Every structure is written in structure tokens, then in C-alpha cells.
Amino acid sequence: MSKIFSITLLVLFLLTACAPASETVATPTPVGFIAPSIEVVDKFYKTIDDAQMKEDLLVSWNMLTFEFQCSPKIAPNCDTSKFQDKWWQVEVAYKLYDCGDNVVIAEETHSPRGDALPSTSATPKFTLFKVVSTEDGLLIDNISSVQALEDDCVLVSQN
């Protein structure tokens, strides 16, 4: 009996030794994966377009870092009314390009809020968003106009 047991163990050992070693396989990036910085900018625009009243625009406002909210470019003296007045007038059709390192460029076209169809004659403009990680999560730390897309930017989202 012990001889059969020994032979069985030997066979199992040999089978195990002959089995191919497990390989570490890199997990590919899932199809449809969108970088978190793209999601932040997409949400910024969607909350602008979905706003039912000016106060709803404060959701987008709160996606900006405090330092950027209070910059003279966005809202001197941290006054939200300039931000609200600008975005309340328009809806935005946009394409988002991932430029790496939490940089997103939006190709945006504005149309008057409430128009049934976005204006196709409006010239698109390019806007660069810099997204940063804060203790409150990912926030937009800078928005600036750029003349064109950077070479390494990839189209990932379109609305």
C-alpha cells in the first residue's frame, strides 16, 4: 500500500513539475477607459449644459480649486456672479482630448442657451484644463485658451 502511495506521489510530483510556470501578464487598459482628468472636465461641461438656473452653475464652480476660483481671471474677489453670468448664456458642444499629465484640451463651440440645435457656423476654440489632485479629490486648477491641439493629445470624448 505504501508503495502505491509513493508511486502516486511521484507521478503527481512529475506532473506538477512538467506544468508550465504561470506567467505574469500585463493587464491591458480596458477599452473605453477614460482618464479621471477627462471625467472631471466632462462633468464640468455637463453641469453647465444641464443647469436649470444660474445657481446650478455652482456645481461647476465647485470643481475649481479655491485658488483658481478667486483668481482675477475667473472671479475677482471670489465673486461667483461673473462665472455664472458667463456660463448661463451658453451651452457647449465639445470634444475632449487627453494630453497626459492631467492636462485636457477641449475643442468647444458655444451656442446660446436654449437653442434647439448648436450653431454649426461657430468657430471652435481650444481650451486647456489643468487638473490637480487635492484633499477634496480632483479639481480644475487652471483653464486657459490655446491656439491649437498639442501633438500628443488624443481624442477620447465628444459631446
N, C-alpha and C. Protein backbone atom coordinates (compact mmCIF):
# COMPACT_ATOMS: atom_id res chain seq x y z
N MET A 1 0.81 -1.17 0.00
CA MET A 1 0.00 0.00 0.00
C MET A 1 0.87 1.26 0.00
N SER A 2 1.91 1.28 0.81
CA SER A 2 2.77 2.44 0.86
C SER A 2 3.53 2.61 -0.45
N LYS A 3 3.77 1.46 -1.18
CA LYS A 3 4.45 1.54 -2.47
C LYS A 3 3.55 2.25 -3.48
N ILE A 4 2.26 1.94 -3.48
CA ILE A 4 1.30 2.58 -4.40
C ILE A 4 1.21 4.07 -4.06
N PHE A 5 1.19 4.37 -2.79
CA PHE A 5 1.10 5.75 -2.35
C PHE A 5 2.34 6.53 -2.80
N SER A 6 3.52 5.91 -2.68
CA SER A 6 4.77 6.55 -3.09
C SER A 6 4.79 6.79 -4.58
N ILE A 7 4.31 5.81 -5.36
CA ILE A 7 4.27 5.96 -6.82
C ILE A 7 3.31 7.08 -7.21
N THR A 8 2.17 7.12 -6.54
CA THR A 8 1.18 8.16 -6.83
C THR A 8 1.77 9.54 -6.54
N LEU A 9 2.47 9.68 -5.43
CA LEU A 9 3.10 10.96 -5.10
C LEU A 9 4.16 11.33 -6.13
N LEU A 10 4.93 10.34 -6.59
CA LEU A 10 5.95 10.58 -7.60
C LEU A 10 5.33 11.05 -8.90
N VAL A 11 4.24 10.42 -9.33
CA VAL A 11 3.55 10.81 -10.56
C VAL A 11 3.00 12.24 -10.42
N LEU A 12 2.38 12.53 -9.31
CA LEU A 12 1.85 13.87 -9.08
C LEU A 12 2.96 14.92 -9.09
N PHE A 13 4.10 14.58 -8.49
CA PHE A 13 5.23 15.49 -8.47
C PHE A 13 5.73 15.76 -9.89
N LEU A 14 5.86 14.69 -10.68
CA LEU A 14 6.34 14.85 -12.05
C LEU A 14 5.35 15.66 -12.89
N LEU A 15 4.07 15.41 -12.72
CA LEU A 15 3.07 16.18 -13.48
C LEU A 15 3.12 17.66 -13.10
N THR A 16 3.29 17.92 -11.84
CA THR A 16 3.37 19.30 -11.37
C THR A 16 4.63 19.96 -11.89
N ALA A 17 5.73 19.24 -11.89
CA ALA A 17 7.00 19.79 -12.35
C ALA A 17 6.97 20.08 -13.84
N CYS A 18 6.19 19.31 -14.61
CA CYS A 18 6.13 19.49 -16.06
C CYS A 18 5.12 20.56 -16.47
N ALA A 19 4.29 20.99 -15.56
CA ALA A 19 3.30 22.00 -15.89
C ALA A 19 4.00 23.32 -16.15
N PRO A 20 3.53 24.08 -17.11
CA PRO A 20 4.18 25.36 -17.41
C PRO A 20 4.03 26.32 -16.22
N ALA A 21 5.07 27.09 -16.00
CA ALA A 21 5.05 28.06 -14.90
C ALA A 21 4.06 29.16 -15.25
N SER A 22 3.43 29.69 -14.24
CA SER A 22 2.49 30.77 -14.52
C SER A 22 3.28 32.01 -14.90
N GLU A 23 2.77 32.73 -15.88
CA GLU A 23 3.43 33.93 -16.36
C GLU A 23 2.67 35.15 -15.84
N THR A 24 3.41 36.19 -15.60
CA THR A 24 2.77 37.45 -15.25
C THR A 24 2.42 38.14 -16.56
N VAL A 25 1.15 38.40 -16.73
CA VAL A 25 0.69 39.04 -17.96
C VAL A 25 0.20 40.43 -17.62
N ALA A 26 0.67 41.40 -18.38
CA ALA A 26 0.22 42.76 -18.15
C ALA A 26 -1.26 42.86 -18.48
N THR A 27 -1.98 43.56 -17.65
CA THR A 27 -3.40 43.77 -17.90
C THR A 27 -3.54 44.94 -18.85
N PRO A 28 -4.16 44.72 -19.99
CA PRO A 28 -4.30 45.83 -20.93
C PRO A 28 -5.27 46.87 -20.40
N THR A 29 -5.09 48.11 -20.85
CA THR A 29 -6.03 49.15 -20.47
C THR A 29 -7.37 48.79 -21.08
N PRO A 30 -8.41 48.79 -20.28
CA PRO A 30 -9.72 48.40 -20.80
C PRO A 30 -10.18 49.33 -21.92
N VAL A 31 -10.81 48.74 -22.90
CA VAL A 31 -11.38 49.53 -23.98
C VAL A 31 -12.41 50.44 -23.36
N GLY A 32 -12.41 51.69 -23.74
CA GLY A 32 -13.36 52.64 -23.19
C GLY A 32 -12.91 53.29 -21.90
N PHE A 33 -11.69 52.98 -21.41
CA PHE A 33 -11.19 53.60 -20.18
C PHE A 33 -11.01 55.09 -20.41
N ILE A 34 -11.50 55.89 -19.50
CA ILE A 34 -11.35 57.34 -19.61
C ILE A 34 -10.58 57.82 -18.39
N ALA A 35 -9.56 58.59 -18.63
CA ALA A 35 -8.73 59.12 -17.54
C ALA A 35 -9.59 59.96 -16.61
N PRO A 36 -9.30 59.92 -15.31
CA PRO A 36 -10.07 60.72 -14.36
C PRO A 36 -10.09 62.22 -14.69
N SER A 37 -9.01 62.75 -15.23
CA SER A 37 -8.99 64.17 -15.59
C SER A 37 -10.02 64.48 -16.68
N ILE A 38 -10.20 63.54 -17.61
CA ILE A 38 -11.21 63.72 -18.66
C ILE A 38 -12.60 63.71 -18.03
N GLU A 39 -12.82 62.81 -17.07
CA GLU A 39 -14.12 62.73 -16.41
C GLU A 39 -14.45 64.04 -15.68
N VAL A 40 -13.44 64.66 -15.06
CA VAL A 40 -13.65 65.92 -14.35
C VAL A 40 -14.09 67.01 -15.32
N VAL A 41 -13.38 67.15 -16.43
CA VAL A 41 -13.71 68.21 -17.40
C VAL A 41 -15.05 67.92 -18.06
N ASP A 42 -15.33 66.66 -18.36
CA ASP A 42 -16.62 66.29 -18.93
C ASP A 42 -17.76 66.68 -17.97
N LYS A 43 -17.58 66.38 -16.69
CA LYS A 43 -18.61 66.74 -15.70
C LYS A 43 -18.75 68.25 -15.59
N PHE A 44 -17.65 68.98 -15.69
CA PHE A 44 -17.67 70.44 -15.65
C PHE A 44 -18.61 70.97 -16.73
N TYR A 45 -18.42 70.50 -17.96
CA TYR A 45 -19.26 70.96 -19.07
C TYR A 45 -20.70 70.46 -18.95
N LYS A 46 -20.87 69.20 -18.55
CA LYS A 46 -22.23 68.66 -18.45
C LYS A 46 -23.06 69.41 -17.42
N THR A 47 -22.46 69.78 -16.30
CA THR A 47 -23.23 70.52 -15.30
C THR A 47 -23.57 71.92 -15.80
N ILE A 48 -22.73 72.49 -16.63
CA ILE A 48 -23.05 73.78 -17.25
C ILE A 48 -24.23 73.61 -18.20
N ASP A 49 -24.15 72.62 -19.07
CA ASP A 49 -25.22 72.41 -20.05
C ASP A 49 -26.54 72.00 -19.40
N ASP A 50 -26.48 71.27 -18.29
CA ASP A 50 -27.69 70.77 -17.63
C ASP A 50 -28.31 71.77 -16.66
N ALA A 51 -27.64 72.89 -16.43
CA ALA A 51 -28.13 73.85 -15.44
C ALA A 51 -29.53 74.34 -15.81
N GLN A 52 -30.41 74.32 -14.82
CA GLN A 52 -31.78 74.81 -15.00
C GLN A 52 -31.94 76.24 -14.49
N MET A 53 -31.02 76.68 -13.65
CA MET A 53 -31.00 78.05 -13.15
C MET A 53 -29.55 78.41 -12.85
N LYS A 54 -29.27 79.69 -12.73
CA LYS A 54 -27.89 80.15 -12.52
C LYS A 54 -27.21 79.48 -11.34
N GLU A 55 -27.95 79.24 -10.28
CA GLU A 55 -27.37 78.64 -9.09
C GLU A 55 -26.83 77.24 -9.35
N ASP A 56 -27.40 76.55 -10.35
CA ASP A 56 -26.91 75.21 -10.69
C ASP A 56 -25.47 75.25 -11.20
N LEU A 57 -25.04 76.40 -11.71
CA LEU A 57 -23.67 76.53 -12.22
C LEU A 57 -22.63 76.45 -11.11
N LEU A 58 -23.08 76.58 -9.87
CA LEU A 58 -22.14 76.49 -8.75
C LEU A 58 -21.56 75.09 -8.60
N VAL A 59 -22.22 74.09 -9.19
CA VAL A 59 -21.65 72.73 -9.19
C VAL A 59 -20.34 72.75 -9.98
N SER A 60 -20.36 73.39 -11.14
CA SER A 60 -19.12 73.52 -11.93
C SER A 60 -18.11 74.41 -11.21
N TRP A 61 -18.60 75.47 -10.62
CA TRP A 61 -17.73 76.38 -9.85
C TRP A 61 -16.97 75.61 -8.78
N ASN A 62 -17.65 74.70 -8.10
CA ASN A 62 -17.03 73.94 -7.02
C ASN A 62 -16.07 72.87 -7.52
N MET A 63 -15.96 72.72 -8.82
CA MET A 63 -14.98 71.79 -9.40
C MET A 63 -13.64 72.48 -9.64
N LEU A 64 -13.56 73.77 -9.29
CA LEU A 64 -12.33 74.55 -9.43
C LEU A 64 -11.64 74.63 -8.07
N THR A 65 -10.31 74.67 -8.09
CA THR A 65 -9.59 74.87 -6.82
C THR A 65 -9.94 76.25 -6.27
N PHE A 66 -9.84 76.41 -4.96
CA PHE A 66 -10.14 77.70 -4.35
C PHE A 66 -9.26 78.80 -4.94
N GLU A 67 -7.98 78.50 -5.11
CA GLU A 67 -7.06 79.50 -5.65
C GLU A 67 -7.49 79.94 -7.04
N PHE A 68 -7.95 79.00 -7.85
CA PHE A 68 -8.36 79.35 -9.21
C PHE A 68 -9.71 80.07 -9.20
N GLN A 69 -10.62 79.66 -8.31
CA GLN A 69 -11.91 80.34 -8.20
C GLN A 69 -11.72 81.83 -7.95
N CYS A 70 -10.76 82.16 -7.13
CA CYS A 70 -10.58 83.54 -6.71
C CYS A 70 -9.53 84.29 -7.53
N SER A 71 -9.11 83.71 -8.62
CA SER A 71 -8.15 84.41 -9.47
C SER A 71 -8.87 85.54 -10.21
N PRO A 72 -8.18 86.62 -10.51
CA PRO A 72 -8.81 87.73 -11.22
C PRO A 72 -9.41 87.31 -12.57
N LYS A 73 -8.84 86.29 -13.16
CA LYS A 73 -9.31 85.81 -14.45
C LYS A 73 -10.71 85.17 -14.34
N ILE A 74 -10.99 84.49 -13.27
CA ILE A 74 -12.25 83.77 -13.10
C ILE A 74 -13.26 84.59 -12.31
N ALA A 75 -12.89 85.02 -11.14
CA ALA A 75 -13.84 85.72 -10.27
C ALA A 75 -13.10 86.63 -9.30
N PRO A 76 -12.87 87.87 -9.70
CA PRO A 76 -12.21 88.78 -8.77
C PRO A 76 -12.95 88.82 -7.44
N ASN A 77 -12.19 88.81 -6.38
CA ASN A 77 -12.75 88.81 -5.01
C ASN A 77 -13.65 87.61 -4.75
N CYS A 78 -13.45 86.53 -5.45
CA CYS A 78 -14.21 85.28 -5.28
C CYS A 78 -15.71 85.46 -5.55
N ASP A 79 -16.05 86.42 -6.37
CA ASP A 79 -17.45 86.69 -6.70
C ASP A 79 -17.89 85.71 -7.78
N THR A 80 -18.84 84.85 -7.45
CA THR A 80 -19.29 83.82 -8.39
C THR A 80 -20.14 84.38 -9.53
N SER A 81 -20.63 85.60 -9.40
CA SER A 81 -21.58 86.11 -10.41
C SER A 81 -20.95 86.23 -11.79
N LYS A 82 -19.67 86.59 -11.88
CA LYS A 82 -19.01 86.70 -13.19
C LYS A 82 -18.99 85.32 -13.87
N PHE A 83 -18.64 84.30 -13.10
CA PHE A 83 -18.62 82.92 -13.61
C PHE A 83 -20.02 82.51 -14.05
N GLN A 84 -21.01 82.76 -13.20
CA GLN A 84 -22.39 82.39 -13.52
C GLN A 84 -22.91 83.15 -14.74
N ASP A 85 -22.62 84.44 -14.81
CA ASP A 85 -23.09 85.24 -15.95
C ASP A 85 -22.51 84.72 -17.27
N LYS A 86 -21.24 84.37 -17.25
CA LYS A 86 -20.60 83.88 -18.47
C LYS A 86 -21.25 82.57 -18.93
N TRP A 87 -21.35 81.60 -18.03
CA TRP A 87 -21.80 80.27 -18.43
C TRP A 87 -23.32 80.15 -18.55
N TRP A 88 -24.07 81.04 -17.93
CA TRP A 88 -25.52 80.97 -18.03
C TRP A 88 -26.01 81.30 -19.43
N GLN A 89 -25.23 82.04 -20.16
CA GLN A 89 -25.62 82.47 -21.50
C GLN A 89 -25.48 81.37 -22.55
N VAL A 90 -24.69 80.34 -22.29
CA VAL A 90 -24.33 79.39 -23.35
C VAL A 90 -24.53 77.93 -22.95
N GLU A 91 -24.62 77.12 -23.98
CA GLU A 91 -24.45 75.67 -23.87
C GLU A 91 -23.22 75.35 -24.70
N VAL A 92 -22.58 74.25 -24.38
CA VAL A 92 -21.29 73.96 -25.00
C VAL A 92 -21.32 72.59 -25.67
N ALA A 93 -20.97 72.57 -26.95
CA ALA A 93 -20.67 71.30 -27.63
C ALA A 93 -19.14 71.18 -27.55
N TYR A 94 -18.65 69.99 -27.24
CA TYR A 94 -17.21 69.88 -27.01
C TYR A 94 -16.67 68.50 -27.37
N LYS A 95 -15.38 68.50 -27.64
CA LYS A 95 -14.59 67.29 -27.78
C LYS A 95 -13.47 67.41 -26.75
N LEU A 96 -13.17 66.31 -26.07
CA LEU A 96 -12.12 66.33 -25.05
C LEU A 96 -10.93 65.49 -25.51
N TYR A 97 -9.76 66.06 -25.39
CA TYR A 97 -8.52 65.41 -25.78
C TYR A 97 -7.66 65.21 -24.54
N ASP A 98 -7.20 63.99 -24.34
CA ASP A 98 -6.31 63.66 -23.23
C ASP A 98 -4.88 63.97 -23.69
N CYS A 99 -4.24 64.89 -22.98
CA CYS A 99 -2.88 65.30 -23.34
C CYS A 99 -1.86 64.79 -22.33
N GLY A 100 -2.27 63.90 -21.42
CA GLY A 100 -1.36 63.33 -20.43
C GLY A 100 -1.12 64.28 -19.28
N ASP A 101 -0.57 63.75 -18.20
CA ASP A 101 -0.20 64.54 -17.01
C ASP A 101 -1.34 65.42 -16.51
N ASN A 102 -2.57 64.88 -16.53
CA ASN A 102 -3.76 65.61 -16.04
C ASN A 102 -4.03 66.90 -16.81
N VAL A 103 -3.63 66.91 -18.07
CA VAL A 103 -3.92 68.04 -18.95
C VAL A 103 -4.96 67.58 -19.97
N VAL A 104 -6.01 68.37 -20.10
CA VAL A 104 -7.09 68.08 -21.05
C VAL A 104 -7.27 69.32 -21.91
N ILE A 105 -7.40 69.11 -23.22
CA ILE A 105 -7.76 70.22 -24.10
C ILE A 105 -9.16 69.95 -24.62
N ALA A 106 -10.00 70.97 -24.51
CA ALA A 106 -11.36 70.89 -25.02
C ALA A 106 -11.45 71.71 -26.30
N GLU A 107 -12.04 71.11 -27.31
CA GLU A 107 -12.40 71.85 -28.52
C GLU A 107 -13.88 72.17 -28.35
N GLU A 108 -14.17 73.42 -28.06
CA GLU A 108 -15.53 73.78 -27.67
C GLU A 108 -16.17 74.76 -28.64
N THR A 109 -17.48 74.61 -28.79
CA THR A 109 -18.29 75.52 -29.58
C THR A 109 -19.47 75.94 -28.71
N HIS A 110 -19.65 77.24 -28.59
CA HIS A 110 -20.74 77.75 -27.75
C HIS A 110 -21.96 78.08 -28.62
N SER A 111 -23.13 77.84 -28.06
CA SER A 111 -24.37 78.27 -28.68
C SER A 111 -25.23 78.88 -27.59
N PRO A 112 -26.13 79.79 -27.95
CA PRO A 112 -26.98 80.39 -26.92
C PRO A 112 -27.78 79.33 -26.18
N ARG A 113 -27.88 79.49 -24.87
CA ARG A 113 -28.63 78.55 -24.04
C ARG A 113 -30.07 78.48 -24.53
N GLY A 114 -30.55 77.25 -24.66
CA GLY A 114 -31.94 77.04 -25.06
C GLY A 114 -32.14 76.87 -26.55
N ASP A 115 -31.11 77.13 -27.37
CA ASP A 115 -31.26 76.89 -28.81
C ASP A 115 -31.44 75.40 -29.04
N ALA A 116 -32.35 75.06 -29.95
CA ALA A 116 -32.64 73.65 -30.22
C ALA A 116 -31.42 72.93 -30.78
N LEU A 117 -30.68 73.60 -31.65
CA LEU A 117 -29.51 72.98 -32.27
C LEU A 117 -28.28 73.85 -32.03
N PRO A 118 -27.14 73.24 -31.72
CA PRO A 118 -25.92 74.03 -31.59
C PRO A 118 -25.58 74.68 -32.92
N SER A 119 -24.99 75.83 -32.85
CA SER A 119 -24.60 76.55 -34.05
C SER A 119 -23.47 75.81 -34.75
N THR A 120 -23.66 75.48 -36.02
CA THR A 120 -22.60 74.80 -36.76
C THR A 120 -21.65 75.80 -37.40
N SER A 121 -22.05 77.08 -37.42
CA SER A 121 -21.19 78.08 -38.05
C SER A 121 -20.19 78.68 -37.07
N ALA A 122 -20.39 78.45 -35.79
CA ALA A 122 -19.47 78.98 -34.79
C ALA A 122 -18.10 78.32 -34.91
N THR A 123 -17.08 79.11 -34.78
CA THR A 123 -15.72 78.60 -34.87
C THR A 123 -15.34 77.97 -33.53
N PRO A 124 -14.87 76.72 -33.56
CA PRO A 124 -14.45 76.10 -32.30
C PRO A 124 -13.23 76.81 -31.73
N LYS A 125 -13.14 76.80 -30.41
CA LYS A 125 -11.94 77.32 -29.76
C LYS A 125 -11.37 76.21 -28.90
N PHE A 126 -10.09 76.32 -28.61
CA PHE A 126 -9.40 75.31 -27.81
C PHE A 126 -9.12 75.87 -26.42
N THR A 127 -9.47 75.07 -25.42
CA THR A 127 -9.29 75.47 -24.03
C THR A 127 -8.53 74.38 -23.29
N LEU A 128 -7.47 74.77 -22.61
CA LEU A 128 -6.64 73.84 -21.86
C LEU A 128 -7.07 73.84 -20.39
N PHE A 129 -7.27 72.64 -19.85
CA PHE A 129 -7.62 72.45 -18.44
C PHE A 129 -6.47 71.72 -17.77
N LYS A 130 -6.04 72.23 -16.63
CA LYS A 130 -5.05 71.54 -15.80
C LYS A 130 -5.79 71.03 -14.56
N VAL A 131 -5.79 69.71 -14.38
CA VAL A 131 -6.49 69.07 -13.27
C VAL A 131 -5.46 68.63 -12.24
N VAL A 132 -5.75 68.89 -10.96
CA VAL A 132 -4.83 68.53 -9.90
C VAL A 132 -5.54 67.70 -8.84
N SER A 133 -4.75 66.91 -8.14
CA SER A 133 -5.28 66.11 -7.05
C SER A 133 -5.17 66.93 -5.76
N THR A 134 -6.30 67.03 -5.06
CA THR A 134 -6.33 67.77 -3.80
C THR A 134 -6.92 66.86 -2.73
N GLU A 135 -6.97 67.33 -1.51
CA GLU A 135 -7.59 66.53 -0.45
C GLU A 135 -9.09 66.39 -0.68
N ASP A 136 -9.64 67.25 -1.53
CA ASP A 136 -11.07 67.17 -1.88
C ASP A 136 -11.30 66.36 -3.15
N GLY A 137 -10.25 65.77 -3.69
CA GLY A 137 -10.37 65.00 -4.93
C GLY A 137 -9.75 65.76 -6.09
N LEU A 138 -10.07 65.34 -7.30
CA LEU A 138 -9.54 66.01 -8.48
C LEU A 138 -10.32 67.29 -8.74
N LEU A 139 -9.58 68.38 -8.92
CA LEU A 139 -10.19 69.68 -9.20
C LEU A 139 -9.45 70.36 -10.34
N ILE A 140 -10.12 71.29 -10.99
CA ILE A 140 -9.52 72.05 -12.09
C ILE A 140 -8.76 73.22 -11.47
N ASP A 141 -7.47 73.33 -11.80
CA ASP A 141 -6.61 74.34 -11.22
C ASP A 141 -6.27 75.46 -12.19
N ASN A 142 -6.56 75.24 -13.46
CA ASN A 142 -6.29 76.28 -14.45
C ASN A 142 -7.10 76.00 -15.70
N ILE A 143 -7.60 77.07 -16.30
CA ILE A 143 -8.29 77.00 -17.60
C ILE A 143 -7.70 78.14 -18.42
N SER A 144 -7.20 77.81 -19.60
CA SER A 144 -6.62 78.85 -20.45
C SER A 144 -6.86 78.54 -21.92
N SER A 145 -6.90 79.58 -22.72
CA SER A 145 -7.07 79.41 -24.16
C SER A 145 -5.75 78.99 -24.78
N VAL A 146 -5.82 78.12 -25.78
CA VAL A 146 -4.65 77.75 -26.56
C VAL A 146 -5.04 77.85 -28.04
N GLN A 147 -4.05 78.01 -28.87
CA GLN A 147 -4.31 78.20 -30.30
C GLN A 147 -4.71 76.92 -31.02
N ALA A 148 -4.15 75.80 -30.57
CA ALA A 148 -4.39 74.53 -31.26
C ALA A 148 -4.10 73.38 -30.31
N LEU A 149 -4.41 72.18 -30.77
CA LEU A 149 -4.09 70.98 -30.01
C LEU A 149 -2.59 70.75 -29.96
N GLU A 150 -2.15 70.16 -28.88
CA GLU A 150 -0.76 69.73 -28.80
C GLU A 150 -0.63 68.41 -29.55
N ASP A 151 0.57 68.10 -30.03
CA ASP A 151 0.78 66.91 -30.85
C ASP A 151 0.45 65.59 -30.16
N ASP A 152 0.66 65.52 -28.85
CA ASP A 152 0.47 64.25 -28.15
C ASP A 152 -0.93 64.08 -27.57
N CYS A 153 -1.86 64.93 -27.93
CA CYS A 153 -3.23 64.84 -27.41
C CYS A 153 -4.07 63.86 -28.22
N VAL A 154 -4.91 63.09 -27.51
CA VAL A 154 -5.72 62.05 -28.15
C VAL A 154 -7.19 62.31 -27.85
N LEU A 155 -8.02 62.30 -28.88
CA LEU A 155 -9.45 62.49 -28.72
C LEU A 155 -10.03 61.30 -27.95
N VAL A 156 -10.74 61.59 -26.84
CA VAL A 156 -11.29 60.49 -26.04
C VAL A 156 -12.78 60.66 -25.76
N SER A 157 -13.32 61.85 -25.94
CA SER A 157 -14.73 62.06 -25.60
C SER A 157 -15.29 63.18 -26.45
N GLN A 158 -16.55 63.03 -26.79
CA GLN A 158 -17.20 64.02 -27.64
C GLN A 158 -18.65 64.17 -27.22
N ASN A 159 -19.11 65.40 -27.10
CA ASN A 159 -20.49 65.67 -26.75
C ASN A 159 -21.07 66.63 -27.74
